[in-house]
Amino acid sequence: MTDAATNDTDYDIYFYWDPVCPFAWITSRWVNQVVAQRDYKVDWRFISLRLINKDVDYNAHFPPEYLDGHTAGLRLLRVAAKVRADHGRDAIGALYTAFGESIFDVAPEAEIRKIMGTPEHVSPILEALGLPAHLVDALDDESWDELLDAETDEARDKTGKDVGTPIIHYNPPAGPALFGPVISRLPSDEDALQLWDHVVGLATFPSFTELKRSLRELPALRALGADPDALNEPGKVEDWHGGSRRQNHEKG
């Protein structure tokens, strides 16, 4: 199945996202903070963690919840691909926001983990956005996977393969692309612009390759038990490998 391409000059930013990645979600909200203050236009593109790891033994490499989570993300991206094909690229920003709020801006005890990527999860979102109910059928439509695989490869071709989500391509088609930034909490609006300028400055320096630390604070999200009134307090820090919380240090 195919999807209409976009003109590279139509957008200032390509943001590649998987709906179940908490770090991509927080980074996307930061990008929205920047967009609200500057005249940028974002093309919300697709990258699937399930397809990145299609040849990986999940039982050996990941915590037990990852297979179901990544598979749910793939199912949601099928719906997003169908929405984009039928309703245009500019419909995707609102859809991503609705997906993310339903997954991450909820109480830890919410039932979302049991229904994520099912019609019970997606149908109310489509209704709230005024989108046709039949789009929910795309959850099980594997014909979209070819497009999603190709767009996932497109994202990683811009950065190299040892990355996860999100990937941001600045000033396409000739501008640079980076994995991240990986942030665990939203900055103030003022700090959001400062961070943006620092990241773009690094990305556009011709010989810049990488800055990295694998220690990460858990994302400051309600779904993970963060206190909405104390989001600036340091949280639990874990050591991540290869962009994910893998069980061992073999690369997949």
Protein backbone atom coordinates (compact mmCIF):
# COMPACT_ATOMS: atom_id res chain seq x y z
CA MET A 1 0.00 0.00 0.00
CA THR A 2 1.31 3.47 -0.84
CA ASP A 3 0.95 6.94 0.57
CA ALA A 4 1.39 10.26 -1.19
CA ALA A 5 4.82 11.81 -0.66
CA THR A 6 5.29 15.36 0.50
CA ASN A 7 7.39 18.09 -0.99
CA ASP A 8 10.49 18.47 1.17
CA THR A 9 10.11 22.25 1.13
CA ASP A 10 6.61 22.10 2.64
CA TYR A 11 7.93 21.48 6.17
CA ASP A 12 10.70 22.82 8.39
CA ILE A 13 10.92 19.69 10.56
CA TYR A 14 10.36 15.98 10.04
CA PHE A 15 9.59 14.29 13.36
CA TYR A 16 9.62 10.48 13.27
CA TRP A 17 7.56 8.97 16.10
CA ASP A 18 6.29 5.72 17.50
CA PRO A 19 3.13 6.22 19.57
CA VAL A 20 4.23 4.01 22.48
CA CYS A 21 7.66 5.60 23.05
CA PRO A 22 7.50 7.84 26.15
CA PHE A 23 10.69 9.69 25.24
CA ALA A 24 9.40 10.45 21.73
CA TRP A 25 6.19 11.73 23.34
CA ILE A 26 7.98 14.14 25.67
CA THR A 27 10.29 15.34 22.89
CA SER A 28 7.29 15.90 20.63
CA ARG A 29 5.67 18.10 23.27
CA TRP A 30 8.91 20.08 23.46
CA VAL A 31 8.83 20.51 19.69
CA ASN A 32 5.27 21.80 19.99
CA GLN A 33 6.47 24.33 22.58
CA VAL A 34 9.02 25.57 20.05
CA VAL A 35 6.54 25.59 17.16
CA ALA A 36 4.15 27.71 19.23
CA GLN A 37 6.86 30.37 19.55
CA ARG A 38 8.42 30.17 16.11
CA ASP A 39 7.10 29.88 12.60
CA TYR A 40 7.88 26.20 11.99
CA LYS A 41 5.79 23.55 10.30
CA VAL A 42 6.19 19.89 11.32
CA ASP A 43 5.59 16.77 9.27
CA TRP A 44 4.83 14.03 11.80
CA ARG A 45 6.34 10.93 10.17
CA PHE A 46 6.40 7.29 11.19
CA ILE A 47 9.02 5.03 12.74
CA SER A 48 8.07 1.67 14.23
CA LEU A 49 9.95 0.19 17.17
CA ARG A 50 8.38 -3.18 16.36
CA LEU A 51 9.76 -3.09 12.81
CA ILE A 52 13.17 -1.88 13.98
CA ASN A 53 13.28 -4.95 16.20
CA LYS A 54 11.55 -7.39 13.86
CA ASP A 55 14.58 -9.72 13.88
CA VAL A 56 15.23 -9.40 17.62
CA ASP A 57 14.38 -12.13 20.14
CA TYR A 58 12.24 -10.09 22.52
CA ASN A 59 12.39 -12.72 25.26
CA ALA A 60 16.18 -12.54 25.32
CA HIS A 61 16.65 -8.81 24.92
CA PHE A 62 13.73 -6.90 26.41
CA PRO A 63 11.59 -6.74 29.54
CA PRO A 64 8.42 -8.83 29.10
CA GLU A 65 6.05 -5.92 28.40
CA TYR A 66 8.00 -4.66 25.38
CA LEU A 67 6.65 -7.09 22.78
CA ASP A 68 3.02 -6.23 23.47
CA GLY A 69 3.84 -2.52 23.70
CA HIS A 70 5.80 -2.36 20.45
CA THR A 71 3.15 -4.44 18.67
CA ALA A 72 0.45 -2.05 19.87
CA GLY A 73 2.55 0.82 18.54
CA LEU A 74 2.71 -0.83 15.12
CA ARG A 75 -1.06 -1.28 15.11
CA LEU A 76 -1.59 2.38 15.98
CA LEU A 77 0.79 3.44 13.23
CA ARG A 78 -1.28 1.47 10.71
CA VAL A 79 -4.24 3.63 11.67
CA ALA A 80 -2.09 6.75 11.41
CA ALA A 81 -0.93 5.72 7.94
CA LYS A 82 -4.53 5.23 6.84
CA VAL A 83 -5.52 8.60 8.32
CA ARG A 84 -2.67 10.28 6.46
CA ALA A 85 -3.60 8.61 3.18
CA ASP A 86 -7.27 9.55 3.47
CA HIS A 87 -7.15 12.91 5.27
CA GLY A 88 -3.74 14.39 4.59
CA ARG A 89 -0.48 14.83 6.43
CA ASP A 90 -1.71 17.77 8.49
CA ALA A 91 -4.18 15.46 10.27
CA ILE A 92 -1.38 13.51 11.93
CA GLY A 93 -0.31 16.05 14.55
CA ALA A 94 -3.72 15.96 16.25
CA LEU A 95 -3.87 12.18 15.97
CA TYR A 96 -0.45 11.78 17.61
CA THR A 97 -1.51 14.14 20.38
CA ALA A 98 -4.67 12.12 20.99
CA PHE A 99 -2.76 8.83 20.99
CA GLY A 100 -0.13 10.20 23.36
CA GLU A 101 -2.57 11.74 25.81
CA SER A 102 -4.54 8.48 25.95
CA ILE A 103 -1.38 6.48 26.71
CA PHE A 104 0.78 8.80 28.82
CA ASP A 105 -1.43 11.48 30.38
CA VAL A 106 -3.39 9.02 32.48
CA ALA A 107 -3.15 7.62 35.99
CA PRO A 108 -0.81 4.64 36.48
CA GLU A 109 -3.75 2.42 37.38
CA ALA A 110 -5.60 3.22 34.13
CA GLU A 111 -6.57 0.27 31.94
CA ILE A 112 -4.77 1.58 28.85
CA ARG A 113 -2.06 -1.13 28.94
CA LYS A 114 -4.76 -3.79 28.56
CA ILE A 115 -6.51 -2.17 25.59
CA MET A 116 -3.73 -0.22 23.85
CA GLY A 117 -3.85 -0.70 20.09
CA THR A 118 -7.33 -2.24 20.11
CA PRO A 119 -10.62 -0.93 18.71
CA GLU A 120 -11.71 -0.14 22.28
CA HIS A 121 -8.75 2.24 22.53
CA VAL A 122 -8.83 3.77 19.06
CA SER A 123 -12.53 4.15 18.25
CA PRO A 124 -13.20 6.89 20.86
CA ILE A 125 -10.13 8.79 19.63
CA LEU A 126 -11.34 8.73 16.04
CA GLU A 127 -14.79 9.89 17.15
CA ALA A 128 -13.34 12.75 19.21
CA LEU A 129 -11.28 13.92 16.23
CA GLY A 130 -14.24 13.72 13.86
CA LEU A 131 -12.63 10.97 11.80
CA PRO A 132 -14.59 8.10 10.21
CA ALA A 133 -15.18 5.08 12.43
CA HIS A 134 -14.09 2.63 9.72
CA LEU A 135 -10.48 3.78 10.08
CA VAL A 136 -10.23 1.49 13.11
CA ASP A 137 -10.09 -1.44 10.68
CA ALA A 138 -6.53 -0.42 9.79
CA LEU A 139 -5.33 -1.79 13.15
CA ASP A 140 -5.27 -5.28 11.62
CA ASP A 141 -4.37 -4.25 8.06
CA GLU A 142 -0.83 -5.54 7.57
CA SER A 143 -0.72 -4.09 4.06
CA TRP A 144 0.37 -0.81 5.70
CA ASP A 145 3.49 -2.45 7.14
CA GLU A 146 5.45 -2.09 3.90
CA LEU A 147 5.01 1.69 4.01
CA LEU A 148 5.80 1.83 7.73
CA ASP A 149 8.91 -0.29 7.24
CA ALA A 150 10.06 1.98 4.42
CA GLU A 151 9.50 5.13 6.47
CA THR A 152 11.31 3.55 9.43
CA ASP A 153 14.27 2.83 7.12
CA GLU A 154 14.05 6.38 5.78
CA ALA A 155 14.43 7.78 9.29
CA ARG A 156 17.37 5.54 10.17
CA ASP A 157 19.08 6.18 6.85
CA LYS A 158 19.41 9.78 8.01
CA THR A 159 21.12 8.91 11.31
CA GLY A 160 22.56 5.40 11.15
CA LYS A 161 21.01 2.24 12.52
CA ASP A 162 21.97 2.29 16.22
CA VAL A 163 19.17 4.65 17.20
CA GLY A 164 15.62 4.55 18.48
CA THR A 165 12.88 7.16 18.66
CA PRO A 166 12.43 9.99 18.13
CA ILE A 167 14.41 11.09 15.09
CA ILE A 168 14.23 14.73 14.03
CA HIS A 169 15.27 15.93 10.58
CA TYR A 170 15.95 19.67 10.58
CA ASN A 171 15.47 21.82 7.45
CA PRO A 172 14.81 18.95 5.02
CA PRO A 173 15.87 17.78 2.56
CA ALA A 174 19.47 18.97 2.94
CA GLY A 175 19.53 19.60 6.68
CA PRO A 176 20.87 17.24 9.35
CA ALA A 177 18.99 14.62 11.35
CA LEU A 178 19.60 13.36 14.89
CA PHE A 179 18.18 10.75 17.23
CA GLY A 180 16.70 12.71 20.12
CA PRO A 181 17.15 14.83 22.05
CA VAL A 182 16.05 12.38 24.71
CA ILE A 183 14.55 14.42 27.54
CA SER A 184 12.68 13.16 30.57
CA ARG A 185 10.61 16.25 31.37
CA LEU A 186 9.35 19.36 29.61
CA PRO A 187 11.31 22.60 30.01
CA SER A 188 9.78 26.02 30.46
CA ASP A 189 8.85 27.82 27.24
CA GLU A 190 11.96 29.97 27.52
CA ASP A 191 14.22 26.99 28.15
CA ALA A 192 12.52 25.11 25.30
CA LEU A 193 13.84 27.67 22.82
CA GLN A 194 17.28 27.64 24.39
CA LEU A 195 17.44 23.85 24.16
CA TRP A 196 16.23 23.99 20.56
CA ASP A 197 18.94 26.44 19.56
CA HIS A 198 21.61 24.35 21.26
CA VAL A 199 20.46 21.16 19.55
CA VAL A 200 20.21 22.78 16.13
CA GLY A 201 23.62 24.35 16.66
CA LEU A 202 25.16 20.94 17.30
CA ALA A 203 23.22 19.26 14.50
CA THR A 204 24.33 21.81 11.93
CA PHE A 205 28.01 21.75 12.93
CA PRO A 206 29.46 19.81 9.96
CA SER A 207 31.64 17.36 11.89
CA PHE A 208 29.44 16.85 14.95
CA THR A 209 28.66 13.17 15.52
CA GLU A 210 27.49 12.32 19.03
CA LEU A 211 27.04 13.34 22.63
CA LYS A 212 25.64 10.63 24.85
CA ARG A 213 25.02 9.36 28.33
CA SER A 214 23.06 6.19 28.94
CA LEU A 215 21.85 7.20 32.41
CA ARG A 216 18.26 8.37 32.06
CA GLU A 217 15.66 9.63 34.44
CA LEU A 218 12.38 7.84 33.94
CA PRO A 219 10.01 9.99 31.88
CA ALA A 220 8.03 12.42 34.04
CA LEU A 221 4.63 11.17 32.92
CA ARG A 222 1.44 10.61 34.87
CA ALA A 223 1.14 7.11 33.42
CA LEU A 224 4.45 6.23 35.06
CA GLY A 225 3.41 7.60 38.44
CA ALA A 226 4.93 11.09 38.27
CA ASP A 227 3.33 13.71 40.50
CA PRO A 228 1.95 16.44 38.19
CA ASP A 229 2.69 19.01 40.90
CA ALA A 230 6.31 17.94 41.34
CA LEU A 231 7.55 17.38 37.80
CA ASN A 232 10.74 19.36 38.41
CA GLU A 233 11.95 17.04 41.14
CA PRO A 234 14.62 14.52 40.08
CA GLY A 235 13.23 11.08 39.38
CA LYS A 236 14.60 7.55 39.38
CA VAL A 237 17.59 7.10 37.06
CA GLU A 238 18.29 3.93 35.08
CA ASP A 239 21.09 2.88 32.73
CA TRP A 240 19.74 2.33 29.21
CA HIS A 241 21.49 0.57 26.35
CA GLY A 242 21.15 1.25 22.64
CA GLY A 243 18.21 3.57 23.18
CA SER A 244 16.14 1.04 25.12
CA ARG A 245 15.91 -0.64 28.48
CA ARG A 246 17.28 -3.96 27.27
CA GLN A 247 17.90 -6.97 29.45
CA ASN A 248 21.51 -7.39 28.28
CA HIS A 249 24.06 -5.58 26.14
CA GLU A 250 23.83 -7.55 22.92
CA LYS A 251 22.69 -5.44 20.02
CA GLY A 252 19.64 -6.55 18.06
